[in-house]
Amino acid sequence: MSMHMQNAKKKTQEEMRRLMLERKNKDKKPQKINNPLAKYNNLGQLTCILCSSIVRSENVWQVHLNSKQHRENIEKAKKLKELTNNFTEGKIKRPGPPISDAPQEKKPKGILKNAGTPIPVVAAKPKNNAPTIYSYHEEEIKRVNLDAVLSKEGKVKGKLGDTQNESSTSQEDQESKVQDINAPIPEGFFDDPILDAKARNIEYKDPIEEEWEKFQKEIKNETSTSAEIIAGEQEEATAERQIDEIDEQIRNWSRVLDLELKKEETKKKIQDVEMASGNNDDNDSDNEADLDEFLDWRAKKAVIDLTTEVLKKCFEKFDGGDIIQSYPTYFMYLLRHEAVCVQELAVMEVHKALTKVAYPLRLPQFIDVFVAVAQLVCHKDVGLANKAIMVTSILEPEAYPKVLEEMKIGLDYPASLRCNLIEVIINISAKSAELFQLCVEHEYISYMISELNTEDFLYQINILELLAQLAIKPYGINYLVECGAIQKIVGLIEDLERNPLKNLLVPGYMRFFGSIAYHYPKDVLEKYPILTDLLFNAIESNEQVILLIALDTLGFIGATHEGKMSLAALGSSFQVAVDRVCKYIRNSSSVVKVRATHCLSSLIAIDRDPNKKTENVDQRITLMTREWFRCLKQQNESIEYLFELCKNPFSDIKLAGFALLDAICQHNWGQEMIAGAAGFIEYLLDRPGGFSKEEKEAKFDVIKKLATSTVFDANIVARCQVYVDQGPLFKDTIMEVAYEESD
């Protein structure tokens, strides 16, 4: 075993050395470019002589050589070289001075004061009467006719006479540089640029077009430079990322090696202890085997975690569904793996594929993937189970027949895990009536109803909450009524008096009852009086937990117009409940006071009904809500007590008071009460310090309603409108001037 570990260590070390050597070679500075076209400027930057551009680094020199701009510059250079060769081949060497045996005579002095040496003019007789080229100080002149030159020369001789004869020998000794008759015509010989270019056998180029070509050339140069810079940056970024990945792999391998070393040290210590004690019993062998298994498990877990992290980074580079479509067999292996981290990675990849705009996983090719995810819903790991629930709840409807069939294995799991399965069934049923009917056909709904008879009260409460989500759907409540589930729940409520766990079960039944009564208040309150008795008895309860849930349920049912009318139809029992709520607002602990205040504000408010279609309020609701508010205090003292709640120093009580104030501002009678309360409107319009952000926003909502009121005078309405325009968090700027007193 130790020899095997040593060999494995050596291989690992050799692999690490190889990776470090590769990284070291990448960090080396590249050698300089040895190319006739390459040159380094004073700053050490590599430049191309032909293109007159800077190359970012030696690594992209070959990219520059292969660029289109560089190849075009090479072609232009070749054409220029050919044109230069044609120009130089048309010229001949200038003849040397003629050799003469006659002695040179002295030149006569000129008649001018500062006459110098005359400019030599020597004409070489051309062949075939061709025009001659004269040279003055080695500068070319235009060609002239030979006869004109000779006639002009004769006139000069007649004037100078013998003087010309004496200087003829001297003139013959001097040689003017004559060009060959085949030399090209100089540029600008003709005024017409097109004719001039044609005479010199070159292509005429318009200056505007040349300027445009230069502009395009500059643009191409900049584009090429930009592409080279981008290519260099991409290459550097790739190299840096690869280096970071190699570093991370080296660190992970170092962790594995450290674990192996710790394992070897532990085994060595155990062997030393065994040698010292001399005890070689079978128990010691078993302990060593258990230790080896434990250490092997630690090493295996480290390798799995490392591999999972690598796969996670790889999956991030692909779009959702690409991995599943390309490697379906290997992906199924990930879903069936024993490690939770591996399964979570696979489930999240399925979720990424399902949440894409274009649905990539079509049926029936990937139905096995969906089934495998659905079977993880009842996994004991909470994180993995929640991810599986999320994925299974958003599948396409065509996948559910097979998925629901295969999910039945979850019914054999413990009650705590079966709740996950029931949650998925409720999520699927709530999507459409067709899927609900499919769940009914697979007998999931009937199974849930039968589980209400369980003795596990936590499991029973969870089923009630899930059934409440189903009961708010029209097809859901109809099925529960037709199959007798509601009647069964009513029977369970009647048996609560004999159940020792009554205080634990009442909150669950209260929530179930409130959820259904919110959507169908008239039907529930009239047909099942046992539920209203349960609610009103809970409001009288001394148990704070039950009391708080009862207050929330009463306010939740009375939030809608239909709920208010249905509760008022109950008569004296409901009026007693309202009086009890107002009593809790006046005299109770802060927690109960806050919940009771919110309950009363929900009963009075008329803007919390989602089914409200018109702005007109039923006159009966206006009268009922006014009487309910007056129960808070005797006669006109209710608004004064509400004023005290809004000024309470405790934030939770103050926010509850503003919520109740916002509710009564929705009625004309409430606005009249506020107008009659001394100092109330001034308190609302004042912006004192010490208010929290939530309190300022709550007060702003109240003033926003008062700004459109017809009860207040124009001055108050204008001030409210200014307050609304300034916003809830406006703060007045006060300038303070400090005075320095003299000594």
Foldseek 3Di string as FASTA:
>chain_A
DVVVVVVVVVVVVVVLVVVVVVLVVVPDADDDDDDPQWDADPVRFIAGNQLRDTFHGPVCPVVVCPDPLNVVSVVVVVVVVVVVVVQVVLKDFFDDQDDDPDDADDADDDPDPPDDDDFQWDWDDDPPQAWWWTATVNDTDDTDGPVVVVVVVVVVCVVCPVNCVNCVVVSSRDGTGTIDSRHFDDQPPDVPNCVSCVSRVHDDDDVVVVVVVVVVSVVVSVVVNVVSVVVVVVVVVVSVVVVVVSVVVVVLVVVLVVLVVVLVVVVVVLVVVCVVVVDDDVVSVVVVVVSVVVSVVVSVVSVVVVVLVVVLVVLVVDAQPPCCVVCVPVLVCQLVDPDLSSNQSSLVSLVRQLPDPDNDDDPDVCLVVLLSLLCCLLPPDPVSNVSSLVNNLRDDPVSPLVNVVSNVVQVPDDLVSVLSVLLSLLSQCVPDVVSVVSCVVSVPVVVLLVCCPDPPLVSNLSSLVSLLSQCLDPVSVVVCVVVVSVVVVLVVLVCLVVDPCNVVNLLSVLVSLLSNCQNVVQVSVVVRVSNVVSLLVLCVDPDPVSNLSSLVSLLSQLLEPVSLVNLVVVPPSSVVSLLSLLVQLVDHDPVSNLSSLSSLLSNQAHPRHPPDDDLDDPPVSLVVNVVSQCSNDPDLCSVVVLLVQCVDLDPSSNLSSLSSLLSLLSHPVSVLSQVPDPPNLVVLLDDDPDDDPSSLVSSLSNLVSVLPDPNDDPVSNVSSVVDNVCPSPDDDDDDDDDDDDDD
